[in-house]
Amino acid sequence: MSEALKKYKKLIVWLSIIAGLIILTYIAVSFYFMNRFLPNTWIYGVYATGRSADAVAAEANANIRYPDIKIVWADGSESVIDPAAVDLNVDLSKGVYNIKARENAFLWPRAFFGSVRTGDEMVISYNSDKLRSEFEKLDLVVKERNDIPVYKIVFDKETGYTVSDNHAGRVNLDKVLAVLNQKLSEGTTLLVLDDSFYLDEPYTNQEKALQAEWDELSAFLTTDLVYDMGAEKIEFDPSVMSFLIVSSGGMPVKDDNGDYIIDDEAVEKWIDDLCEAYDTYGLDREFKASNGKTVTIPAFYSTYGTELDHDAELRYLREMLHSDALRDGEADVHIPKYTHEATFRGLNDIGDTYVEVDLSDQYMYYYKDGVLILETDIVSGDIPKGWTTPRGVFAISGKYTDTYLYGKDYIDFVSYWMPYFRGYGLHDSDWRDEWGGDIYTYDGSHGCINMCKDAARTVFENIEIGTPVVVYDY
């Protein structure tokens, strides 16, 4: 046998041995993976390569973290149920075993080229009876169960007659629970409610009768009358009219003809309250001074203020409330009658244009439309000589230039004279070199408010007759 033939046979032998070893290794590895997962395998986040299905299933199940069962209601509020309270359990074993069953151990070499697997099956279980029990304990569910649908006419001491109706937007709790069961069965622990979970409860025949009653009542309580009080407008809507009809037991009373009854005593009380709110004439009043203090303005000398004609207003309102014009669709704007009418009408009849004289600080402010036009030092009446400046609320009664002011023992020429009460007024005082401080205690005026010419000119050029003048001390 030639040397070359010997080498060839030897090569064949070695190749056979190597092939046999490869085949034996392949078979051995294949048998190894018969009960173990192939290389490069992850299941439910668990590295499964070379591990048994039981071991992988046990670890996967141990890694499960159960989130709270959460319901998000339409208003954004949330209710939470503890998963342990309903025996919620997720078993991933079936998914693990199914993956293993689909594996071909003899194809293990191919697994090195991307054979990554993931779980796709799970077994979910929970106690539906416990879920119902926990669901019924939720605050929002308890509230909804206890909030029985009711339609009723109610009387509120602040707003009058109104309707209490909770039929709309009711939660369909049975549907919520059914869908929650479905979600849990699918492995979802979050349920967000949309409009489909809400419904409007039907009305009973008795409630339908009350609806008709309310339609009639609300039409009666809605009128065209508006009291024009200047800065405020008082509409005679249900918030006012509710208190002007006869009621009994929280419900309006009708006469034999089926008409609602106007309560004359209530009407008179309404006028009484109106006068109490708006009348300032002849009464002490509180005033918020520019220095931040609240001072009391005495009524003794005051000539400015508001006084409604009580009797005239009572007659008008009683007549109007029984008139067909009250609901004819045309606005009835009523400006009340006054026995004493201020320049500015409203709860604050001083308004935002006025002169403010602070006798304590010997200082004066002039506001126009809420804007401070002028502030200046002044000199008021000489107290030691008995020429006290009267405190009170007054109004500018005239405007004069280049005039003489006469008194028992004096005659003074002034360029700007603005009287507001008897012989008292605002004016310049060229005979003085300084104002403010304590000058009024030894060289005060005869009771008028003295100021420099520039200040008097500014006031004169801007002020109108009727402007309130507030004089106070503290």
Protein backbone atom coordinates (compact mmCIF):
# COMPACT_ATOMS: atom_id res chain seq x y z
CA MET A 1 0.00 0.00 0.00
CA SER A 2 1.34 3.30 -0.98
CA GLU A 3 2.18 5.97 1.49
CA ALA A 4 -0.43 8.30 0.02
CA LEU A 5 -3.18 5.74 0.41
CA LYS A 6 -2.24 5.23 4.03
CA LYS A 7 -2.50 8.96 4.72
CA TYR A 8 -5.88 9.12 3.01
CA LYS A 9 -7.31 6.24 5.08
CA LYS A 10 -5.92 7.82 8.21
CA LEU A 11 -7.66 11.09 7.34
CA ILE A 12 -10.92 9.28 6.73
CA VAL A 13 -10.67 7.66 10.15
CA TRP A 14 -10.08 10.95 11.90
CA LEU A 15 -12.85 12.66 10.04
CA SER A 16 -15.21 9.85 10.99
CA ILE A 17 -14.18 10.17 14.62
CA ILE A 18 -14.72 13.95 14.56
CA ALA A 19 -18.08 13.57 12.81
CA GLY A 20 -19.09 10.99 15.31
CA LEU A 21 -18.12 13.22 18.18
CA ILE A 22 -20.08 16.12 16.65
CA ILE A 23 -23.12 13.92 16.18
CA LEU A 24 -22.83 12.55 19.70
CA THR A 25 -22.42 16.09 21.06
CA TYR A 26 -25.40 17.34 19.04
CA ILE A 27 -27.53 14.40 20.27
CA ALA A 28 -26.34 14.85 23.84
CA VAL A 29 -27.08 18.61 23.81
CA SER A 30 -30.45 17.95 22.17
CA PHE A 31 -31.34 15.52 24.91
CA TYR A 32 -30.11 18.09 27.43
CA PHE A 33 -32.58 20.66 26.10
CA MET A 34 -35.43 18.18 26.01
CA ASN A 35 -36.43 19.34 29.53
CA ARG A 36 -34.71 22.70 29.48
CA PHE A 37 -35.18 25.89 27.54
CA LEU A 38 -33.04 26.56 24.50
CA PRO A 39 -30.24 29.13 24.50
CA ASN A 40 -30.99 32.87 24.37
CA THR A 41 -34.46 32.45 25.84
CA TRP A 42 -36.23 35.01 28.08
CA ILE A 43 -39.77 34.39 29.30
CA TYR A 44 -41.80 36.98 31.26
CA GLY A 45 -38.53 38.78 32.00
CA VAL A 46 -36.89 35.64 33.39
CA TYR A 47 -33.67 34.27 31.87
CA ALA A 48 -34.70 30.71 30.97
CA THR A 49 -31.74 29.27 29.06
CA GLY A 50 -30.88 25.79 30.34
CA ARG A 51 -33.58 25.92 33.02
CA SER A 52 -36.60 23.73 33.47
CA ALA A 53 -40.11 25.01 32.82
CA ASP A 54 -40.97 24.47 36.47
CA ALA A 55 -38.06 26.63 37.65
CA VAL A 56 -38.83 29.41 35.14
CA ALA A 57 -42.55 29.34 35.96
CA ALA A 58 -41.81 29.54 39.68
CA GLU A 59 -39.52 32.56 39.27
CA ALA A 60 -41.88 34.30 36.86
CA ASN A 61 -44.79 33.89 39.28
CA ALA A 62 -42.64 35.05 42.19
CA ASN A 63 -41.73 38.22 40.29
CA ILE A 64 -45.34 39.29 39.80
CA ARG A 65 -46.22 42.60 41.49
CA TYR A 66 -49.93 43.27 41.67
CA PRO A 67 -50.92 46.93 41.11
CA ASP A 68 -53.96 48.40 42.85
CA ILE A 69 -57.27 47.93 41.14
CA LYS A 70 -58.17 51.51 40.20
CA ILE A 71 -61.37 53.14 38.96
CA VAL A 72 -61.12 56.66 37.53
CA TRP A 73 -64.49 58.43 37.62
CA ALA A 74 -65.64 61.05 35.13
CA ASP A 75 -64.75 63.94 37.47
CA GLY A 76 -61.15 62.71 37.70
CA SER A 77 -61.45 61.29 41.21
CA GLU A 78 -60.10 57.80 41.83
CA SER A 79 -61.18 54.77 43.84
CA VAL A 80 -58.75 52.00 44.73
CA ILE A 81 -59.31 48.36 45.64
CA ASP A 82 -56.53 46.27 47.20
CA PRO A 83 -55.87 43.29 44.87
CA ALA A 84 -55.20 41.08 47.88
CA ALA A 85 -58.71 41.82 49.18
CA VAL A 86 -60.23 40.10 46.14
CA ASP A 87 -57.69 37.23 46.02
CA LEU A 88 -56.34 38.43 42.68
CA ASN A 89 -53.85 35.89 41.35
CA VAL A 90 -51.98 35.66 38.06
CA ASP A 91 -50.37 32.30 37.14
CA LEU A 92 -47.84 32.44 34.31
CA SER A 93 -47.10 28.73 34.40
CA LYS A 94 -49.34 27.89 31.45
CA GLY A 95 -47.53 30.37 29.24
CA VAL A 96 -44.17 28.99 30.30
CA TYR A 97 -45.20 25.36 29.65
CA ASN A 98 -46.74 26.25 26.27
CA ILE A 99 -43.52 27.87 25.14
CA LYS A 100 -41.55 24.83 26.20
CA ALA A 101 -43.98 22.54 24.41
CA ARG A 102 -43.49 24.46 21.17
CA GLU A 103 -39.71 24.21 21.35
CA ASN A 104 -37.79 21.63 19.24
CA ALA A 105 -34.75 20.56 21.22
CA PHE A 106 -33.01 19.34 18.07
CA LEU A 107 -33.01 22.90 16.69
CA TRP A 108 -30.94 24.22 19.57
CA PRO A 109 -28.16 25.53 17.29
CA ARG A 110 -30.60 27.92 15.67
CA ALA A 111 -31.40 29.45 19.07
CA PHE A 112 -27.99 31.14 19.05
CA PHE A 113 -29.21 33.34 16.21
CA GLY A 114 -32.02 35.26 17.93
CA SER A 115 -34.35 32.72 19.47
CA VAL A 116 -35.72 35.08 22.15
CA ARG A 117 -39.16 34.15 23.41
CA THR A 118 -41.67 35.89 25.63
CA GLY A 119 -44.74 34.79 27.53
CA ASP A 120 -48.08 35.16 25.83
CA GLU A 121 -50.49 33.32 28.09
CA MET A 122 -51.54 33.67 31.71
CA VAL A 123 -54.21 32.36 33.99
CA ILE A 124 -55.98 35.09 36.02
CA SER A 125 -58.18 34.33 38.97
CA TYR A 126 -59.95 36.39 41.62
CA ASN A 127 -62.95 36.15 43.90
CA SER A 128 -65.83 37.93 42.17
CA ASP A 129 -67.92 37.95 45.35
CA LYS A 130 -65.12 39.68 47.23
CA LEU A 131 -64.72 42.11 44.34
CA ARG A 132 -68.39 43.05 44.58
CA SER A 133 -68.08 43.46 48.33
CA GLU A 134 -65.03 45.73 48.04
CA PHE A 135 -66.69 47.68 45.22
CA GLU A 136 -69.75 48.39 47.34
CA LYS A 137 -67.51 49.73 50.13
CA LEU A 138 -65.99 52.44 47.94
CA ASP A 139 -66.93 55.94 49.13
CA LEU A 140 -68.20 57.06 45.74
CA VAL A 141 -70.26 53.92 45.35
CA VAL A 142 -71.76 54.31 48.82
CA LYS A 143 -72.53 57.96 48.08
CA GLU A 144 -74.17 57.06 44.78
CA ARG A 145 -76.26 54.31 46.38
CA ASN A 146 -77.43 56.64 49.14
CA ASP A 147 -78.10 59.56 46.80
CA ILE A 148 -81.55 58.40 45.72
CA PRO A 149 -82.88 60.18 42.61
CA VAL A 150 -85.26 62.91 43.77
CA TYR A 151 -86.94 65.85 42.07
CA LYS A 152 -88.40 68.42 44.45
CA ILE A 153 -89.11 72.12 44.83
CA VAL A 154 -87.17 73.54 47.77
CA PHE A 155 -87.07 76.91 49.51
CA ASP A 156 -83.69 78.32 50.43
CA LYS A 157 -83.52 81.14 52.97
CA GLU A 158 -80.86 82.91 50.91
CA THR A 159 -81.86 82.30 47.29
CA GLY A 160 -85.58 81.52 47.50
CA TYR A 161 -87.37 78.81 45.54
CA THR A 162 -85.30 76.47 43.44
CA VAL A 163 -85.30 72.89 42.22
CA SER A 164 -83.31 70.01 43.64
CA ASP A 165 -82.86 67.42 40.92
CA ASN A 166 -80.24 64.68 40.87
CA HIS A 167 -81.64 62.48 38.11
CA ALA A 168 -79.03 63.46 35.53
CA GLY A 169 -75.54 62.01 35.34
CA ARG A 170 -76.16 58.98 37.53
CA VAL A 171 -73.45 56.32 37.58
CA ASN A 172 -74.51 52.96 36.15
CA LEU A 173 -72.90 51.00 38.97
CA ASP A 174 -73.95 47.61 37.61
CA LYS A 175 -72.17 48.36 34.35
CA VAL A 176 -69.09 49.62 36.18
CA LEU A 177 -68.84 46.38 38.15
CA ALA A 178 -69.45 44.21 35.08
CA VAL A 179 -66.75 45.97 33.06
CA LEU A 180 -64.39 45.86 36.03
CA ASN A 181 -64.84 42.08 36.15
CA GLN A 182 -64.10 41.90 32.44
CA LYS A 183 -61.00 44.06 32.79
CA LEU A 184 -59.61 41.90 35.60
CA SER A 185 -60.25 38.75 33.58
CA GLU A 186 -58.17 40.28 30.80
CA GLY A 187 -55.36 41.19 33.17
CA THR A 188 -56.11 44.94 33.36
CA THR A 189 -56.44 46.61 36.76
CA LEU A 190 -57.38 50.10 35.52
CA LEU A 191 -60.88 51.17 34.54
CA VAL A 192 -61.45 54.72 33.26
CA LEU A 193 -65.11 55.67 33.07
CA ASP A 194 -66.41 57.58 30.07
CA ASP A 195 -69.86 59.01 29.36
CA SER A 196 -71.24 55.57 28.56
CA PHE A 197 -71.11 54.70 32.26
CA TYR A 198 -73.54 57.51 33.16
CA LEU A 199 -77.27 57.76 32.62
CA ASP A 200 -80.30 59.90 33.46
CA GLU A 201 -82.78 58.26 35.79
CA PRO A 202 -86.44 58.45 34.65
CA TYR A 203 -88.92 60.62 36.58
CA THR A 204 -91.91 59.25 38.43
CA ASN A 205 -95.40 60.50 37.63
CA GLN A 206 -95.39 62.48 40.87
CA GLU A 207 -92.10 64.11 39.90
CA LYS A 208 -93.46 64.96 36.47
CA ALA A 209 -96.35 66.75 38.20
CA LEU A 210 -93.81 68.69 40.27
CA GLN A 211 -91.99 69.66 37.10
CA ALA A 212 -95.17 71.19 35.74
CA GLU A 213 -95.67 73.00 39.07
CA TRP A 214 -92.14 74.36 38.90
CA ASP A 215 -92.61 75.60 35.36
CA GLU A 216 -95.66 77.56 36.52
CA LEU A 217 -93.94 78.86 39.66
CA SER A 218 -90.73 79.92 37.95
CA ALA A 219 -92.74 81.77 35.30
CA PHE A 220 -94.56 83.66 38.07
CA LEU A 221 -91.31 84.45 39.90
CA THR A 222 -89.69 85.83 36.74
CA THR A 223 -90.70 89.46 36.10
CA ASP A 224 -89.70 92.46 34.00
CA LEU A 225 -89.26 94.75 36.98
CA VAL A 226 -85.85 96.24 37.74
CA TYR A 227 -85.24 98.69 40.57
CA ASP A 228 -82.61 101.18 39.39
CA MET A 229 -80.75 102.19 42.54
CA GLY A 230 -77.98 103.97 40.65
CA ALA A 231 -74.81 101.96 41.15
CA GLU A 232 -76.90 98.83 41.73
CA LYS A 233 -79.72 97.27 39.76
CA ILE A 234 -82.14 95.00 41.62
CA GLU A 235 -83.91 92.55 39.35
CA PHE A 236 -87.18 91.11 40.57
CA ASP A 237 -86.24 87.57 39.63
CA PRO A 238 -86.90 84.40 41.66
CA SER A 239 -84.24 85.39 44.21
CA VAL A 240 -86.43 88.41 45.13
CA MET A 241 -89.94 87.31 44.23
CA SER A 242 -89.67 84.08 46.23
CA PHE A 243 -89.80 86.16 49.39
CA LEU A 244 -92.79 88.24 48.31
CA ILE A 245 -95.37 85.45 48.01
CA VAL A 246 -97.29 83.56 50.66
CA SER A 247 -95.62 80.26 51.56
CA SER A 248 -96.46 77.46 53.93
CA GLY A 249 -94.26 74.52 54.83
CA GLY A 250 -91.66 75.56 52.30
CA MET A 251 -94.13 75.60 49.41
CA PRO A 252 -95.99 78.50 47.77
CA VAL A 253 -99.69 78.93 48.52
CA LYS A 254 -102.39 79.49 45.88
CA ASP A 255 -105.77 81.14 46.25
CA ASP A 256 -109.11 79.61 45.22
CA ASN A 257 -108.46 80.60 41.61
CA GLY A 258 -105.15 78.73 41.57
CA ASP A 259 -103.05 81.90 41.58
CA TYR A 260 -100.05 82.55 43.75
CA ILE A 261 -100.67 85.10 46.52
CA ILE A 262 -98.58 88.24 47.02
CA ASP A 263 -97.65 88.66 50.69
CA ASP A 264 -98.34 92.33 51.50
CA GLU A 265 -96.46 92.15 54.79
CA ALA A 266 -93.42 90.72 53.01
CA VAL A 267 -93.63 93.50 50.41
CA GLU A 268 -93.60 96.13 53.15
CA LYS A 269 -90.65 94.44 54.83
CA TRP A 270 -88.79 94.45 51.50
CA ILE A 271 -89.28 98.22 51.24
CA ASP A 272 -88.22 98.58 54.89
CA ASP A 273 -85.03 96.66 54.15
CA LEU A 274 -84.41 98.70 51.00
CA CYS A 275 -84.66 101.94 52.95
CA GLU A 276 -82.44 100.59 55.69
CA ALA A 277 -79.80 99.65 53.14
CA TYR A 278 -79.82 102.91 51.16
CA ASP A 279 -80.90 105.65 53.57
CA THR A 280 -78.02 107.78 54.86
CA TYR A 281 -79.63 111.18 55.34
CA GLY A 282 -79.92 112.19 58.98
CA LEU A 283 -77.84 109.20 60.10
CA ASP A 284 -74.30 108.85 61.36
CA ARG A 285 -72.19 107.01 58.81
CA GLU A 286 -68.88 105.17 58.58
CA PHE A 287 -66.25 106.48 56.17
CA LYS A 288 -62.95 104.94 55.07
CA ALA A 289 -60.47 107.82 55.19
CA SER A 290 -57.51 108.19 52.87
CA ASN A 291 -55.14 107.48 55.77
CA GLY A 292 -56.71 104.04 56.15
CA LYS A 293 -58.73 104.81 59.26
CA THR A 294 -62.47 104.22 59.44
CA VAL A 295 -64.12 107.24 60.99
CA THR A 296 -67.68 107.97 62.06
CA ILE A 297 -69.25 111.03 60.41
CA PRO A 298 -71.88 112.60 62.68
CA ALA A 299 -75.28 113.40 61.20
CA PHE A 300 -75.94 116.52 63.27
CA TYR A 301 -74.76 119.09 60.69
CA SER A 302 -74.78 116.83 57.64
CA THR A 303 -76.93 118.02 54.74
CA TYR A 304 -75.92 115.39 52.21
CA GLY A 305 -77.41 111.91 51.98
CA THR A 306 -80.11 109.63 50.65
CA GLU A 307 -83.63 109.15 51.96
CA LEU A 308 -86.10 107.03 50.00
CA ASP A 309 -89.79 107.95 49.98
CA HIS A 310 -90.88 104.85 51.88
CA ASP A 311 -94.63 105.30 51.49
CA ALA A 312 -94.46 106.17 47.79
CA GLU A 313 -92.28 103.14 47.09
CA LEU A 314 -94.56 100.84 49.04
CA ARG A 315 -97.58 102.03 47.07
CA TYR A 316 -95.75 101.62 43.79
CA LEU A 317 -94.45 98.12 44.50
CA ARG A 318 -97.78 96.79 45.77
CA GLU A 319 -99.52 98.10 42.69
CA MET A 320 -96.82 96.83 40.33
CA LEU A 321 -96.81 93.31 41.77
CA HIS A 322 -100.51 92.99 40.92
CA SER A 323 -100.14 94.53 37.46
CA ASP A 324 -100.21 92.66 34.15
CA ALA A 325 -97.29 94.85 33.06
CA LEU A 326 -95.07 92.91 35.44
CA ARG A 327 -94.68 90.10 32.90
CA ASP A 328 -95.48 91.66 29.52
CA GLY A 329 -92.00 91.11 28.14
CA GLU A 330 -91.03 94.79 28.30
CA ALA A 331 -88.47 95.92 30.86
CA ASP A 332 -89.94 97.98 33.70
CA VAL A 333 -86.99 99.99 35.01
CA HIS A 334 -88.05 101.89 38.10
CA ILE A 335 -86.10 104.78 39.62
CA PRO A 336 -87.40 105.18 43.16
CA LYS A 337 -88.74 108.39 44.62
CA TYR A 338 -86.69 110.21 47.25
CA THR A 339 -87.51 112.63 50.01
CA HIS A 340 -83.82 113.54 49.92
CA GLU A 341 -81.66 112.55 46.95
CA ALA A 342 -77.87 112.54 46.97
CA THR A 343 -75.76 113.51 43.98
CA PHE A 344 -74.69 109.91 43.56
CA ARG A 345 -77.25 107.13 43.84
CA GLY A 346 -76.23 103.79 45.29
CA LEU A 347 -75.20 102.08 48.48
CA ASN A 348 -72.17 104.38 48.51
CA ASP A 349 -73.90 107.68 47.78
CA ILE A 350 -70.68 109.63 48.29
CA GLY A 351 -69.41 107.94 45.15
CA ASP A 352 -65.85 108.22 43.86
CA THR A 353 -65.83 112.00 43.28
CA TYR A 354 -65.63 113.96 46.51
CA VAL A 355 -63.65 116.32 48.71
CA GLU A 356 -62.25 114.81 51.90
CA VAL A 357 -61.26 117.17 54.71
CA ASP A 358 -59.22 115.65 57.55
CA LEU A 359 -59.42 118.15 60.41
CA SER A 360 -57.15 116.11 62.67
CA ASP A 361 -54.28 116.12 60.18
CA GLN A 362 -55.23 119.49 58.65
CA TYR A 363 -55.16 117.94 55.21
CA MET A 364 -57.51 117.81 52.25
CA TYR A 365 -57.94 115.39 49.35
CA TYR A 366 -59.94 115.81 46.18
CA TYR A 367 -60.92 112.72 44.20
CA LYS A 368 -62.56 112.74 40.80
CA ASP A 369 -63.80 109.48 39.30
CA GLY A 370 -61.67 107.63 41.82
CA VAL A 371 -58.47 109.47 40.85
CA LEU A 372 -56.70 111.66 43.38
CA ILE A 373 -56.62 115.08 41.71
CA LEU A 374 -55.23 117.06 44.62
CA GLU A 375 -53.95 116.75 48.17
CA THR A 376 -52.95 119.76 50.17
CA ASP A 377 -52.40 121.24 53.62
CA ILE A 378 -55.27 123.35 54.97
CA VAL A 379 -56.22 125.56 57.87
CA SER A 380 -59.63 125.01 59.44
CA GLY A 381 -61.65 126.89 62.05
CA ASP A 382 -59.95 128.49 65.02
CA ILE A 383 -61.08 126.30 67.91
CA PRO A 384 -59.93 128.56 70.81
CA LYS A 385 -61.99 131.39 69.36
CA GLY A 386 -65.05 129.18 68.94
CA TRP A 387 -64.90 129.19 65.13
CA THR A 388 -65.10 125.40 64.83
CA THR A 389 -65.47 123.82 61.40
CA PRO A 390 -68.64 121.66 61.38
CA ARG A 391 -68.17 117.90 60.91
CA GLY A 392 -70.46 116.13 58.50
CA VAL A 393 -71.17 115.28 54.89
CA PHE A 394 -72.18 118.22 52.68
CA ALA A 395 -72.28 119.15 48.99
CA ILE A 396 -70.77 121.99 46.99
CA SER A 397 -73.60 124.48 46.49
CA GLY A 398 -71.89 127.08 44.29
CA LYS A 399 -68.71 128.25 42.55
CA TYR A 400 -67.64 131.91 42.59
CA THR A 401 -64.54 133.84 41.60
CA ASP A 402 -63.14 137.13 42.85
CA THR A 403 -65.59 137.64 45.66
CA TYR A 404 -65.64 139.08 49.17
CA LEU A 405 -66.43 137.03 52.26
CA TYR A 406 -68.06 139.04 55.02
CA GLY A 407 -68.28 138.36 58.73
CA LYS A 408 -68.95 140.19 61.97
CA ASP A 409 -65.45 141.52 62.24
CA TYR A 410 -63.83 140.70 58.91
CA ILE A 411 -64.03 141.10 55.15
CA ASP A 412 -61.73 139.00 52.98
CA PHE A 413 -61.20 138.91 49.23
CA VAL A 414 -60.83 135.44 47.71
CA SER A 415 -60.23 134.35 44.15
CA TYR A 416 -62.04 130.99 44.45
CA TRP A 417 -65.05 130.46 46.68
CA MET A 418 -66.89 127.10 46.88
CA PRO A 419 -69.53 127.10 49.65
CA TYR A 420 -70.96 123.79 50.90
CA PHE A 421 -72.86 124.54 54.15
CA ARG A 422 -74.39 127.81 55.29
CA GLY A 423 -71.45 130.26 55.31
CA TYR A 424 -68.81 127.53 55.27
CA GLY A 425 -66.83 126.60 52.18
CA LEU A 426 -63.51 126.01 50.47
CA HIS A 427 -61.39 128.98 49.39
CA ASP A 428 -57.93 130.33 48.88
CA SER A 429 -56.29 132.48 51.54
CA ASP A 430 -53.56 134.74 50.17
CA TRP A 431 -53.13 136.43 53.55
CA ARG A 432 -51.43 133.25 54.80
CA ASP A 433 -47.88 132.12 54.12
CA GLU A 434 -48.30 128.56 55.39
CA TRP A 435 -50.98 125.95 55.99
CA GLY A 436 -51.29 122.70 57.92
CA GLY A 437 -49.79 121.71 61.24
CA ASP A 438 -51.35 123.28 64.32
CA ILE A 439 -52.01 126.72 62.86
CA TYR A 440 -55.73 126.23 63.42
CA THR A 441 -55.14 126.17 67.19
CA TYR A 442 -53.91 129.77 67.31
CA ASP A 443 -54.57 131.38 63.93
CA GLY A 444 -57.37 129.37 62.41
CA SER A 445 -60.09 130.42 60.01
CA HIS A 446 -63.60 131.53 60.84
CA GLY A 447 -64.69 127.97 60.07
CA CYS A 448 -63.97 127.72 56.34
CA ILE A 449 -61.32 125.51 54.81
CA ASN A 450 -58.35 127.68 53.85
CA MET A 451 -55.75 126.58 51.29
CA CYS A 452 -53.21 128.11 48.96
CA LYS A 453 -54.40 129.73 45.72
CA ASP A 454 -52.93 127.06 43.42
CA ALA A 455 -54.77 124.31 45.29
CA ALA A 456 -58.01 126.29 45.33
CA ARG A 457 -57.70 126.93 41.58
CA THR A 458 -57.20 123.21 40.85
CA VAL A 459 -60.24 122.26 42.87
CA PHE A 460 -62.35 125.07 41.38
CA GLU A 461 -61.49 124.13 37.80
CA ASN A 462 -62.39 120.47 38.31
CA ILE A 463 -65.19 120.39 40.84
CA GLU A 464 -68.91 120.47 40.06
CA ILE A 465 -71.83 121.73 42.09
CA GLY A 466 -73.29 118.84 44.08
CA THR A 467 -69.92 117.19 44.74
CA PRO A 468 -69.90 115.72 48.28
CA VAL A 469 -67.64 117.26 50.90
CA VAL A 470 -66.72 114.94 53.78
CA VAL A 471 -65.42 116.69 56.90
CA TYR A 472 -64.24 114.65 59.87
CA ASP A 473 -61.80 114.32 62.71
CA TYR A 474 -60.75 111.39 64.87
